[in-house]
Amino acid sequence: MSDSTMTNSTGGKPETVLITGGTDGLGRAAAILFASEGYRVFAAGRNAEKRAALEQFAEEKSLTLETLDLDVTSDESASRAVAEVERRAGPVDVLVNNAGIAIAAVMEEVSVDDLRKQFETNVFGGVRMTPRVLPAMRERRSGRIINMSSVAGRVSNPLFGPYSGSKHALEAISDAQRMEVAPFGIRVVLIEPGFIATTINRAAAELSSRYMKNPATSPYARAYLSVLKMVQKRVASSKTTPEDCARVILRAVRAPNPRARYSVTREAQITIALRWLLSDRRMDKMTMRALGLDRDADEAGSAQSVQAEIEQLVRARR
């Protein structure tokens, strides 16, 4: 692959791109950009309405973009989706493992079922999809696996334990697989966005609602309030768009020798640099001070006032 070509090694056809979670947010932006650049794109997702809306948009813009029904938590669905892409367009040249969810909760309170749900999508989804495209990539001795991670895959904050845990796992898996498949001409790349305003923020609020519903009964009420404020502030102030992230993904696909990791937002770059420069103790202190968690619990106000603030913030996110 190079910046100037988009044809695969099997006969001059446009490269085939499969994007999981491709009908919304970052995945949708990537699907539209790749299609507009001449790739043959398959945007996969579970929501029929979103798939129909994206197909209508693609038709109006004359884009070579089709959608597929795909649940990355299902072996049968994953096999069916890849087989359908191969039937319509031939082997997958680029797989973008983008499907993901976010659950925010302190580790003492998160249920094992929710933690399993978090890992099933964010980790096992990619682990499930990748082996289904690798044999054909090995045969052609070319291909790209793009794994959508996050700055949370490098740095974990309070309430981000479930989400960061899944992204840390994805990073470790990608590091191992990058070396495993390199001799076959296949490249594995991680994309690490910071806070970007997408529908995942609303979905995260819904998935986390059981923990946000009555936090005043939790000893971690202050943590819930502080992190909610922090997330809303960073998302509101972020100038990075899903389209900006899509352009980074495109650059990672086109680069002859891509980097192992591409951070997307300036905030992500600064956070990752601080994580490298500071000791664990200093990083913890800085984070807790920024969140107001370095003071005694009695200084934070009554449980009722914290509860009221959280309810107001949750309503504002809907």
C-alpha atoms as a PDB file:
ATOM      1  CA  MET A   1       0.000   0.000   0.000  1.00  0.00           C
ATOM      2  CA  SER A   2       1.087   3.562  -0.568  1.00  0.00           C
ATOM      3  CA  ASP A   3      -0.317   7.057  -0.439  1.00  0.00           C
ATOM      4  CA  SER A   4      -0.915   7.016  -4.178  1.00  0.00           C
ATOM      5  CA  THR A   5      -2.608   3.657  -4.654  1.00  0.00           C
ATOM      6  CA  MET A   6      -5.779   2.065  -3.343  1.00  0.00           C
ATOM      7  CA  THR A   7      -5.719  -1.150  -5.354  1.00  0.00           C
ATOM      8  CA  ASN A   8      -5.014  -4.544  -3.874  1.00  0.00           C
ATOM      9  CA  SER A   9      -2.563  -7.146  -5.047  1.00  0.00           C
ATOM     10  CA  THR A  10      -5.185  -9.403  -6.615  1.00  0.00           C
ATOM     11  CA  GLY A  11      -5.918  -7.500  -9.788  1.00  0.00           C
ATOM     12  CA  GLY A  12      -6.398  -3.756  -9.601  1.00  0.00           C
ATOM     13  CA  LYS A  13      -9.680  -3.694  -7.688  1.00  0.00           C
ATOM     14  CA  PRO A  14     -10.221  -0.987  -5.068  1.00  0.00           C
ATOM     15  CA  GLU A  15      -9.048  -2.083  -1.653  1.00  0.00           C
ATOM     16  CA  THR A  16     -11.806  -3.541   0.501  1.00  0.00           C
ATOM     17  CA  VAL A  17     -12.277  -2.024   3.954  1.00  0.00           C
ATOM     18  CA  LEU A  18     -14.414  -3.574   6.702  1.00  0.00           C
ATOM     19  CA  ILE A  19     -15.248  -1.295   9.636  1.00  0.00           C
ATOM     20  CA  THR A  20     -16.942  -2.675  12.738  1.00  0.00           C
ATOM     21  CA  GLY A  21     -19.134  -0.188  14.559  1.00  0.00           C
ATOM     22  CA  GLY A  22     -19.136   1.572  11.208  1.00  0.00           C
ATOM     23  CA  THR A  23     -22.601   3.132  11.199  1.00  0.00           C
ATOM     24  CA  ASP A  24     -22.121   5.702  13.960  1.00  0.00           C
ATOM     25  CA  GLY A  25     -19.555   8.061  15.456  1.00  0.00           C
ATOM     26  CA  LEU A  26     -15.909   7.555  14.556  1.00  0.00           C
ATOM     27  CA  GLY A  27     -16.680   4.442  12.507  1.00  0.00           C
ATOM     28  CA  ARG A  28     -19.234   6.230  10.363  1.00  0.00           C
ATOM     29  CA  ALA A  29     -16.854   9.138   9.726  1.00  0.00           C
ATOM     30  CA  ALA A  30     -14.129   6.672   8.712  1.00  0.00           C
ATOM     31  CA  ALA A  31     -16.509   4.752   6.417  1.00  0.00           C
ATOM     32  CA  ILE A  32     -17.529   7.921   4.588  1.00  0.00           C
ATOM     33  CA  LEU A  33     -13.948   9.171   4.249  1.00  0.00           C
ATOM     34  CA  PHE A  34     -12.590   5.864   2.947  1.00  0.00           C
ATOM     35  CA  ALA A  35     -15.452   5.558   0.458  1.00  0.00           C
ATOM     36  CA  SER A  36     -14.908   9.136  -0.730  1.00  0.00           C
ATOM     37  CA  GLU A  37     -11.221   8.257  -1.295  1.00  0.00           C
ATOM     38  CA  GLY A  38     -12.122   5.379  -3.602  1.00  0.00           C
ATOM     39  CA  TYR A  39     -12.029   2.376  -1.282  1.00  0.00           C
ATOM     40  CA  ARG A  40     -14.796  -0.204  -1.315  1.00  0.00           C
ATOM     41  CA  VAL A  41     -16.214   0.098   2.190  1.00  0.00           C
ATOM     42  CA  PHE A  42     -18.382  -2.191   4.288  1.00  0.00           C
ATOM     43  CA  ALA A  43     -19.676  -0.443   7.404  1.00  0.00           C
ATOM     44  CA  ALA A  44     -20.948  -3.007   9.894  1.00  0.00           C
ATOM     45  CA  GLY A  45     -23.259  -2.467  12.842  1.00  0.00           C
ATOM     46  CA  ARG A  46     -26.224  -3.824  14.773  1.00  0.00           C
ATOM     47  CA  ASN A  47     -28.712  -0.961  14.368  1.00  0.00           C
ATOM     48  CA  ALA A  48     -30.869  -1.400  11.252  1.00  0.00           C
ATOM     49  CA  GLU A  49     -32.005   2.254  11.226  1.00  0.00           C
ATOM     50  CA  LYS A  50     -28.438   3.546  11.319  1.00  0.00           C
ATOM     51  CA  ARG A  51     -27.415   1.149   8.564  1.00  0.00           C
ATOM     52  CA  ALA A  52     -30.311   2.316   6.383  1.00  0.00           C
ATOM     53  CA  ALA A  53     -29.492   5.988   7.017  1.00  0.00           C
ATOM     54  CA  LEU A  54     -25.840   5.472   6.071  1.00  0.00           C
ATOM     55  CA  GLU A  55     -26.755   3.558   2.917  1.00  0.00           C
ATOM     56  CA  GLN A  56     -29.113   6.342   1.884  1.00  0.00           C
ATOM     57  CA  PHE A  57     -26.361   8.919   2.474  1.00  0.00           C
ATOM     58  CA  ALA A  58     -23.919   6.827   0.427  1.00  0.00           C
ATOM     59  CA  GLU A  59     -26.402   6.536  -2.418  1.00  0.00           C
ATOM     60  CA  GLU A  60     -26.997  10.285  -2.458  1.00  0.00           C
ATOM     61  CA  LYS A  61     -23.240  10.943  -2.543  1.00  0.00           C
ATOM     62  CA  SER A  62     -22.500   8.101  -5.017  1.00  0.00           C
ATOM     63  CA  LEU A  63     -20.115   6.412  -2.597  1.00  0.00           C
ATOM     64  CA  THR A  64     -19.018   2.783  -2.870  1.00  0.00           C
ATOM     65  CA  LEU A  65     -20.241   2.061   0.621  1.00  0.00           C
ATOM     66  CA  GLU A  66     -22.415  -0.814   1.790  1.00  0.00           C
ATOM     67  CA  THR A  67     -23.545  -1.831   5.256  1.00  0.00           C
ATOM     68  CA  LEU A  68     -23.695  -5.170   7.026  1.00  0.00           C
ATOM     69  CA  ASP A  69     -25.459  -6.531  10.069  1.00  0.00           C
ATOM     70  CA  LEU A  70     -22.772  -7.466  12.589  1.00  0.00           C
ATOM     71  CA  ASP A  71     -22.650  -8.209  16.298  1.00  0.00           C
ATOM     72  CA  VAL A  72     -18.962  -8.515  17.231  1.00  0.00           C
ATOM     73  CA  THR A  73     -19.882 -10.458  20.378  1.00  0.00           C
ATOM     74  CA  SER A  74     -21.184 -13.357  18.264  1.00  0.00           C
ATOM     75  CA  ASP A  75     -18.959 -15.905  16.506  1.00  0.00           C
ATOM     76  CA  GLU A  76     -21.712 -16.731  14.036  1.00  0.00           C
ATOM     77  CA  SER A  77     -22.354 -13.079  13.205  1.00  0.00           C
ATOM     78  CA  ALA A  78     -18.632 -12.390  12.733  1.00  0.00           C
ATOM     79  CA  SER A  79     -18.190 -15.341  10.373  1.00  0.00           C
ATOM     80  CA  ARG A  80     -21.293 -14.423   8.419  1.00  0.00           C
ATOM     81  CA  ALA A  81     -20.212 -10.790   7.986  1.00  0.00           C
ATOM     82  CA  VAL A  82     -16.718 -11.635   6.718  1.00  0.00           C
ATOM     83  CA  ALA A  83     -18.109 -14.290   4.378  1.00  0.00           C
ATOM     84  CA  GLU A  84     -20.567 -11.740   2.990  1.00  0.00           C
ATOM     85  CA  VAL A  85     -17.803  -9.202   2.332  1.00  0.00           C
ATOM     86  CA  GLU A  86     -15.742 -11.859   0.568  1.00  0.00           C
ATOM     87  CA  ARG A  87     -18.748 -12.890  -1.511  1.00  0.00           C
ATOM     88  CA  ARG A  88     -19.438  -9.334  -2.643  1.00  0.00           C
ATOM     89  CA  ALA A  89     -15.924  -7.915  -2.964  1.00  0.00           C
ATOM     90  CA  GLY A  90     -13.265 -10.534  -2.300  1.00  0.00           C
ATOM     91  CA  PRO A  91     -10.850 -10.679   0.646  1.00  0.00           C
ATOM     92  CA  VAL A  92     -10.662  -7.886   3.195  1.00  0.00           C
ATOM     93  CA  ASP A  93      -7.623  -5.645   2.729  1.00  0.00           C
ATOM     94  CA  VAL A  94      -8.200  -3.423   5.756  1.00  0.00           C
ATOM     95  CA  LEU A  95     -10.042  -4.343   8.961  1.00  0.00           C
ATOM     96  CA  VAL A  96     -10.895  -1.489  11.321  1.00  0.00           C
ATOM     97  CA  ASN A  97     -11.861  -2.912  14.727  1.00  0.00           C
ATOM     98  CA  ASN A  98     -13.855   0.089  15.879  1.00  0.00           C
ATOM     99  CA  ALA A  99     -16.908  -1.369  17.664  1.00  0.00           C
ATOM    100  CA  GLY A 100     -16.814  -0.415  21.322  1.00  0.00           C
ATOM    101  CA  ILE A 101     -18.782   0.528  24.405  1.00  0.00           C
ATOM    102  CA  ALA A 102     -17.924   2.426  27.587  1.00  0.00           C
ATOM    103  CA  ILE A 103     -19.098   1.689  31.115  1.00  0.00           C
ATOM    104  CA  ALA A 104     -18.153   4.135  33.874  1.00  0.00           C
ATOM    105  CA  ALA A 105     -18.125   2.832  37.434  1.00  0.00           C
ATOM    106  CA  VAL A 106     -15.761   2.470  40.365  1.00  0.00           C
ATOM    107  CA  MET A 107     -14.193  -0.955  40.474  1.00  0.00           C
ATOM    108  CA  GLU A 108     -15.706  -1.888  43.842  1.00  0.00           C
ATOM    109  CA  GLU A 109     -19.209  -1.377  42.485  1.00  0.00           C
ATOM    110  CA  VAL A 110     -19.061  -2.510  38.853  1.00  0.00           C
ATOM    111  CA  SER A 111     -20.777  -5.842  38.357  1.00  0.00           C
ATOM    112  CA  VAL A 112     -18.883  -8.766  36.863  1.00  0.00           C
ATOM    113  CA  ASP A 113     -21.616  -8.988  34.204  1.00  0.00           C
ATOM    114  CA  ASP A 114     -21.007  -5.369  33.148  1.00  0.00           C
ATOM    115  CA  LEU A 115     -17.249  -5.867  33.196  1.00  0.00           C
ATOM    116  CA  ARG A 116     -17.673  -8.948  31.029  1.00  0.00           C
ATOM    117  CA  LYS A 117     -19.903  -6.960  28.649  1.00  0.00           C
ATOM    118  CA  GLN A 118     -17.212  -4.259  28.421  1.00  0.00           C
ATOM    119  CA  PHE A 119     -14.485  -6.746  27.519  1.00  0.00           C
ATOM    120  CA  GLU A 120     -16.700  -8.836  25.242  1.00  0.00           C
ATOM    121  CA  THR A 121     -17.157  -5.899  22.866  1.00  0.00           C
ATOM    122  CA  ASN A 122     -13.930  -3.931  23.219  1.00  0.00           C
ATOM    123  CA  VAL A 123     -11.465  -6.818  23.466  1.00  0.00           C
ATOM    124  CA  PHE A 124     -13.012 -10.069  22.295  1.00  0.00           C
ATOM    125  CA  GLY A 125     -14.811  -8.304  19.446  1.00  0.00           C
ATOM    126  CA  GLY A 126     -11.494  -7.529  17.779  1.00  0.00           C
ATOM    127  CA  VAL A 127     -10.008 -10.889  18.778  1.00  0.00           C
ATOM    128  CA  ARG A 128     -13.029 -12.519  17.135  1.00  0.00           C
ATOM    129  CA  MET A 129     -12.897 -10.523  13.893  1.00  0.00           C
ATOM    130  CA  THR A 130      -9.161 -10.468  13.156  1.00  0.00           C
ATOM    131  CA  PRO A 131      -8.516 -14.222  12.664  1.00  0.00           C
ATOM    132  CA  ARG A 132     -11.329 -14.302  10.114  1.00  0.00           C
ATOM    133  CA  VAL A 133      -9.427 -11.975   7.765  1.00  0.00           C
ATOM    134  CA  LEU A 134      -5.810 -12.940   8.488  1.00  0.00           C
ATOM    135  CA  PRO A 135      -5.557 -16.139   6.378  1.00  0.00           C
ATOM    136  CA  ALA A 136      -6.364 -14.271   3.149  1.00  0.00           C
ATOM    137  CA  MET A 137      -4.028 -11.430   4.164  1.00  0.00           C
ATOM    138  CA  ARG A 138      -1.225 -13.929   4.779  1.00  0.00           C
ATOM    139  CA  GLU A 139      -1.824 -15.489   1.400  1.00  0.00           C
ATOM    140  CA  ARG A 140      -1.514 -12.093  -0.301  1.00  0.00           C
ATOM    141  CA  ARG A 141       1.272 -11.023   2.100  1.00  0.00           C
ATOM    142  CA  SER A 142      -0.403  -7.686   2.715  1.00  0.00           C
ATOM    143  CA  GLY A 143      -3.112  -6.160   4.863  1.00  0.00           C
ATOM    144  CA  ARG A 144      -3.837  -3.750   7.681  1.00  0.00           C
ATOM    145  CA  ILE A 145      -5.501  -4.356  11.042  1.00  0.00           C
ATOM    146  CA  ILE A 146      -6.499  -1.059  12.651  1.00  0.00           C
ATOM    147  CA  ASN A 147      -7.467  -1.391  16.312  1.00  0.00           C
ATOM    148  CA  MET A 148      -9.300   1.567  17.809  1.00  0.00           C
ATOM    149  CA  SER A 149      -7.921   2.097  21.279  1.00  0.00           C
ATOM    150  CA  SER A 150      -8.013   5.323  23.328  1.00  0.00           C
ATOM    151  CA  VAL A 151      -5.867   7.533  25.491  1.00  0.00           C
ATOM    152  CA  ALA A 152      -7.628   5.524  28.222  1.00  0.00           C
ATOM    153  CA  GLY A 153      -5.648   2.544  26.960  1.00  0.00           C
ATOM    154  CA  ARG A 154      -2.495   4.267  28.195  1.00  0.00           C
ATOM    155  CA  VAL A 155      -3.776   6.181  31.251  1.00  0.00           C
ATOM    156  CA  SER A 156      -6.557   5.161  33.638  1.00  0.00           C
ATOM    157  CA  ASN A 157      -8.641   7.551  35.733  1.00  0.00           C
ATOM    158  CA  PRO A 158     -11.231   6.971  38.477  1.00  0.00           C
ATOM    159  CA  LEU A 159     -14.433   5.378  37.074  1.00  0.00           C
ATOM    160  CA  PHE A 160     -12.528   4.455  33.899  1.00  0.00           C
ATOM    161  CA  GLY A 161     -11.355   1.112  35.278  1.00  0.00           C
ATOM    162  CA  PRO A 162     -13.725  -1.017  33.148  1.00  0.00           C
ATOM    163  CA  TYR A 163     -13.153   0.962  29.942  1.00  0.00           C
ATOM    164  CA  SER A 164      -9.418   1.512  30.447  1.00  0.00           C
ATOM    165  CA  GLY A 165      -8.991  -2.124  31.397  1.00  0.00           C
ATOM    166  CA  SER A 166     -10.471  -3.200  28.078  1.00  0.00           C
ATOM    167  CA  LYS A 167      -8.342  -0.744  26.119  1.00  0.00           C
ATOM    168  CA  HIS A 168      -5.155  -1.689  28.010  1.00  0.00           C
ATOM    169  CA  ALA A 169      -5.880  -5.308  27.055  1.00  0.00           C
ATOM    170  CA  LEU A 170      -6.418  -4.306  23.424  1.00  0.00           C
ATOM    171  CA  GLU A 171      -3.095  -2.467  23.423  1.00  0.00           C
ATOM    172  CA  ALA A 172      -1.206  -5.479  24.788  1.00  0.00           C
ATOM    173  CA  ILE A 173      -2.869  -7.830  22.306  1.00  0.00           C
ATOM    174  CA  SER A 174      -2.063  -5.464  19.427  1.00  0.00           C
ATOM    175  CA  ASP A 175       1.587  -5.194  20.495  1.00  0.00           C
ATOM    176  CA  ALA A 176       1.951  -8.978  20.441  1.00  0.00           C
ATOM    177  CA  GLN A 177       0.072  -9.482  17.188  1.00  0.00           C
ATOM    178  CA  ARG A 178       1.939  -6.670  15.449  1.00  0.00           C
ATOM    179  CA  MET A 179       5.145  -8.693  15.738  1.00  0.00           C
ATOM    180  CA  GLU A 180       3.459 -12.015  15.007  1.00  0.00           C
ATOM    181  CA  VAL A 181       2.038 -10.999  11.632  1.00  0.00           C
ATOM    182  CA  ALA A 182       4.798  -8.622  10.476  1.00  0.00           C
ATOM    183  CA  PRO A 183       6.737 -11.403   8.662  1.00  0.00           C
ATOM    184  CA  PHE A 184       3.672 -11.895   6.444  1.00  0.00           C
ATOM    185  CA  GLY A 185       3.556  -8.259   5.327  1.00  0.00           C
ATOM    186  CA  ILE A 186       0.582  -7.454   7.580  1.00  0.00           C
ATOM    187  CA  ARG A 187       0.611  -4.358   9.770  1.00  0.00           C
ATOM    188  CA  VAL A 188      -1.273  -3.906  13.063  1.00  0.00           C
ATOM    189  CA  VAL A 189      -1.842  -0.297  14.126  1.00  0.00           C
ATOM    190  CA  LEU A 190      -3.420   1.277  17.225  1.00  0.00           C
ATOM    191  CA  ILE A 191      -5.391   4.537  17.062  1.00  0.00           C
ATOM    192  CA  GLU A 192      -5.603   6.423  20.376  1.00  0.00           C
ATOM    193  CA  PRO A 193      -8.163   9.250  20.414  1.00  0.00           C
ATOM    194  CA  GLY A 194      -8.807  11.494  23.392  1.00  0.00           C
ATOM    195  CA  PHE A 195     -12.196  13.022  24.130  1.00  0.00           C
ATOM    196  CA  ILE A 196     -14.233  13.551  20.948  1.00  0.00           C
ATOM    197  CA  ALA A 197     -17.923  14.438  20.900  1.00  0.00           C
ATOM    198  CA  THR A 198     -19.694  11.344  19.549  1.00  0.00           C
ATOM    199  CA  THR A 199     -22.771   9.319  20.450  1.00  0.00           C
ATOM    200  CA  ILE A 200     -20.617   6.961  22.530  1.00  0.00           C
ATOM    201  CA  ASN A 201     -20.835   9.553  25.304  1.00  0.00           C
ATOM    202  CA  ARG A 202     -24.620   9.270  25.411  1.00  0.00           C
ATOM    203  CA  ALA A 203     -24.448   5.497  25.126  1.00  0.00           C
ATOM    204  CA  ALA A 204     -21.933   5.406  27.981  1.00  0.00           C
ATOM    205  CA  ALA A 205     -24.339   7.374  30.174  1.00  0.00           C
ATOM    206  CA  GLU A 206     -27.059   4.820  29.477  1.00  0.00           C
ATOM    207  CA  LEU A 207     -24.793   1.831  30.116  1.00  0.00           C
ATOM    208  CA  SER A 208     -23.560   3.442  33.348  1.00  0.00           C
ATOM    209  CA  SER A 209     -26.977   4.624  34.538  1.00  0.00           C
ATOM    210  CA  ARG A 210     -27.314   1.992  37.264  1.00  0.00           C
ATOM    211  CA  TYR A 211     -24.192   3.373  38.934  1.00  0.00           C
ATOM    212  CA  MET A 212     -25.165   7.026  38.431  1.00  0.00           C
ATOM    213  CA  LYS A 213     -28.796   6.524  39.503  1.00  0.00           C
ATOM    214  CA  ASN A 214     -28.312   6.929  43.239  1.00  0.00           C
ATOM    215  CA  PRO A 215     -24.647   7.692  43.857  1.00  0.00           C
ATOM    216  CA  ALA A 216     -25.354   9.482  47.137  1.00  0.00           C
ATOM    217  CA  THR A 217     -25.636   6.021  48.683  1.00  0.00           C
ATOM    218  CA  SER A 218     -22.116   5.225  47.481  1.00  0.00           C
ATOM    219  CA  PRO A 219     -18.949   6.147  49.371  1.00  0.00           C
ATOM    220  CA  TYR A 220     -17.619   7.205  45.961  1.00  0.00           C
ATOM    221  CA  ALA A 221     -20.259   9.876  45.287  1.00  0.00           C
ATOM    222  CA  ARG A 222     -17.600  12.588  44.970  1.00  0.00           C
ATOM    223  CA  ALA A 223     -15.689  10.547  42.417  1.00  0.00           C
ATOM    224  CA  TYR A 224     -18.823  10.100  40.299  1.00  0.00           C
ATOM    225  CA  LEU A 225     -19.539  13.827  40.394  1.00  0.00           C
ATOM    226  CA  SER A 226     -15.947  14.904  39.694  1.00  0.00           C
ATOM    227  CA  VAL A 227     -15.488  12.547  36.755  1.00  0.00           C
ATOM    228  CA  LEU A 228     -18.846  13.491  35.227  1.00  0.00           C
ATOM    229  CA  LYS A 229     -17.848  17.150  35.353  1.00  0.00           C
ATOM    230  CA  MET A 230     -14.422  16.395  33.889  1.00  0.00           C
ATOM    231  CA  VAL A 231     -15.813  14.358  30.991  1.00  0.00           C
ATOM    232  CA  GLN A 232     -18.453  16.940  30.093  1.00  0.00           C
ATOM    233  CA  LYS A 233     -15.912  19.757  30.223  1.00  0.00           C
ATOM    234  CA  ARG A 234     -13.392  17.949  28.012  1.00  0.00           C
ATOM    235  CA  VAL A 235     -15.960  16.793  25.475  1.00  0.00           C
ATOM    236  CA  ALA A 236     -17.456  20.309  25.282  1.00  0.00           C
ATOM    237  CA  SER A 237     -14.038  21.924  24.827  1.00  0.00           C
ATOM    238  CA  SER A 238     -12.703  19.377  22.334  1.00  0.00           C
ATOM    239  CA  LYS A 239     -12.117  20.844  18.893  1.00  0.00           C
ATOM    240  CA  THR A 240     -11.353  17.437  17.368  1.00  0.00           C
ATOM    241  CA  THR A 241     -14.107  15.963  15.224  1.00  0.00           C
ATOM    242  CA  PRO A 242     -14.832  12.367  14.172  1.00  0.00           C
ATOM    243  CA  GLU A 243     -13.682  13.416  10.696  1.00  0.00           C
ATOM    244  CA  ASP A 244     -10.300  14.441  12.123  1.00  0.00           C
ATOM    245  CA  CYS A 245      -9.948  10.996  13.648  1.00  0.00           C
ATOM    246  CA  ALA A 246     -10.975   9.375  10.353  1.00  0.00           C
ATOM    247  CA  ARG A 247      -8.148  11.204   8.584  1.00  0.00           C
ATOM    248  CA  VAL A 248      -5.648   9.754  11.067  1.00  0.00           C
ATOM    249  CA  ILE A 249      -6.991   6.248  10.384  1.00  0.00           C
ATOM    250  CA  LEU A 250      -6.636   6.857   6.639  1.00  0.00           C
ATOM    251  CA  ARG A 251      -3.049   8.013   7.136  1.00  0.00           C
ATOM    252  CA  ALA A 252      -2.269   4.859   9.128  1.00  0.00           C
ATOM    253  CA  VAL A 253      -3.704   2.699   6.328  1.00  0.00           C
ATOM    254  CA  ARG A 254      -1.845   4.492   3.538  1.00  0.00           C
ATOM    255  CA  ALA A 255       1.549   4.784   5.230  1.00  0.00           C
ATOM    256  CA  PRO A 256       4.050   2.288   3.719  1.00  0.00           C
ATOM    257  CA  ASN A 257       5.561   1.800   7.175  1.00  0.00           C
ATOM    258  CA  PRO A 258       2.947   2.873   9.713  1.00  0.00           C
ATOM    259  CA  ARG A 259       3.742   3.663  13.314  1.00  0.00           C
ATOM    260  CA  ALA A 260       2.554   1.251  15.972  1.00  0.00           C
ATOM    261  CA  ARG A 261       0.382   3.981  17.530  1.00  0.00           C
ATOM    262  CA  TYR A 262      -1.287   7.180  16.376  1.00  0.00           C
ATOM    263  CA  SER A 263      -2.680   9.522  19.033  1.00  0.00           C
ATOM    264  CA  VAL A 264      -5.397  11.793  17.703  1.00  0.00           C
ATOM    265  CA  THR A 265      -6.163  14.744  19.980  1.00  0.00           C
ATOM    266  CA  ARG A 266      -3.718  17.193  21.535  1.00  0.00           C
ATOM    267  CA  GLU A 267      -5.133  16.290  24.939  1.00  0.00           C
ATOM    268  CA  ALA A 268      -4.311  12.621  24.279  1.00  0.00           C
ATOM    269  CA  GLN A 269      -0.752  13.504  23.251  1.00  0.00           C
ATOM    270  CA  ILE A 270      -0.181  15.579  26.409  1.00  0.00           C
ATOM    271  CA  THR A 271      -1.682  12.932  28.692  1.00  0.00           C
ATOM    272  CA  ILE A 272       0.435  10.161  27.181  1.00  0.00           C
ATOM    273  CA  ALA A 273       3.562  12.321  27.514  1.00  0.00           C
ATOM    274  CA  LEU A 274       2.797  13.012  31.175  1.00  0.00           C
ATOM    275  CA  ARG A 275       2.257   9.317  31.807  1.00  0.00           C
ATOM    276  CA  TRP A 276       5.746   8.671  30.395  1.00  0.00           C
ATOM    277  CA  LEU A 277       7.422  11.528  32.275  1.00  0.00           C
ATOM    278  CA  LEU A 278       5.847  11.262  35.723  1.00  0.00           C
ATOM    279  CA  SER A 279       6.080   8.599  38.378  1.00  0.00           C
ATOM    280  CA  ASP A 280       2.902   6.739  39.356  1.00  0.00           C
ATOM    281  CA  ARG A 281       2.755   8.688  42.621  1.00  0.00           C
ATOM    282  CA  ARG A 282       3.026  12.082  40.916  1.00  0.00           C
ATOM    283  CA  MET A 283       0.529  11.110  38.223  1.00  0.00           C
ATOM    284  CA  ASP A 284      -1.952   9.935  40.866  1.00  0.00           C
ATOM    285  CA  LYS A 285      -1.561  13.141  42.878  1.00  0.00           C
ATOM    286  CA  MET A 286      -1.985  15.351  39.822  1.00  0.00           C
ATOM    287  CA  THR A 287      -5.107  13.464  38.689  1.00  0.00           C
ATOM    288  CA  MET A 288      -6.696  13.413  42.141  1.00  0.00           C
ATOM    289  CA  ARG A 289      -5.991  17.110  42.643  1.00  0.00           C
ATOM    290  CA  ALA A 290      -7.560  17.944  39.280  1.00  0.00           C
ATOM    291  CA  LEU A 291     -10.661  15.953  40.228  1.00  0.00           C
ATOM    292  CA  GLY A 292     -10.836  17.357  43.750  1.00  0.00           C
ATOM    293  CA  LEU A 293     -10.336  13.913  45.254  1.00  0.00           C
ATOM    294  CA  ASP A 294      -7.269  14.889  47.287  1.00  0.00           C
ATOM    295  CA  ARG A 295      -9.371  16.367  50.105  1.00  0.00           C
ATOM    296  CA  ASP A 296     -11.119  14.713  53.021  1.00  0.00           C
ATOM    297  CA  ALA A 297     -14.589  13.448  52.146  1.00  0.00           C
ATOM    298  CA  ASP A 298     -16.210  15.799  54.671  1.00  0.00           C
ATOM    299  CA  GLU A 299     -15.050  18.803  52.647  1.00  0.00           C
ATOM    300  CA  ALA A 300     -17.088  17.783  49.602  1.00  0.00           C
ATOM    301  CA  GLY A 301     -20.515  18.730  50.925  1.00  0.00           C
ATOM    302  CA  SER A 302     -23.495  16.593  51.832  1.00  0.00           C
ATOM    303  CA  ALA A 303     -24.436  13.413  50.018  1.00  0.00           C
ATOM    304  CA  GLN A 304     -27.714  15.064  49.032  1.00  0.00           C
ATOM    305  CA  SER A 305     -25.994  18.028  47.371  1.00  0.00           C
ATOM    306  CA  VAL A 306     -23.663  15.706  45.484  1.00  0.00           C
ATOM    307  CA  GLN A 307     -26.642  13.623  44.390  1.00  0.00           C
ATOM    308  CA  ALA A 308     -28.459  16.746  43.131  1.00  0.00           C
ATOM    309  CA  GLU A 309     -25.441  17.861  41.101  1.00  0.00           C
ATOM    310  CA  ILE A 310     -25.017  14.438  39.543  1.00  0.00           C
ATOM    311  CA  GLU A 311     -28.684  14.257  38.588  1.00  0.00           C
ATOM    312  CA  GLN A 312     -28.422  17.676  36.951  1.00  0.00           C
ATOM    313  CA  LEU A 313     -25.347  16.631  34.965  1.00  0.00           C
ATOM    314  CA  VAL A 314     -26.912  13.358  33.850  1.00  0.00           C
ATOM    315  CA  ARG A 315     -30.030  15.189  32.636  1.00  0.00           C
ATOM    316  CA  ALA A 316     -27.852  17.602  30.679  1.00  0.00           C
ATOM    317  CA  ARG A 317     -26.172  14.714  28.824  1.00  0.00           C
ATOM    318  CA  ARG A 318     -29.430  13.267  27.527  1.00  0.00           C
END
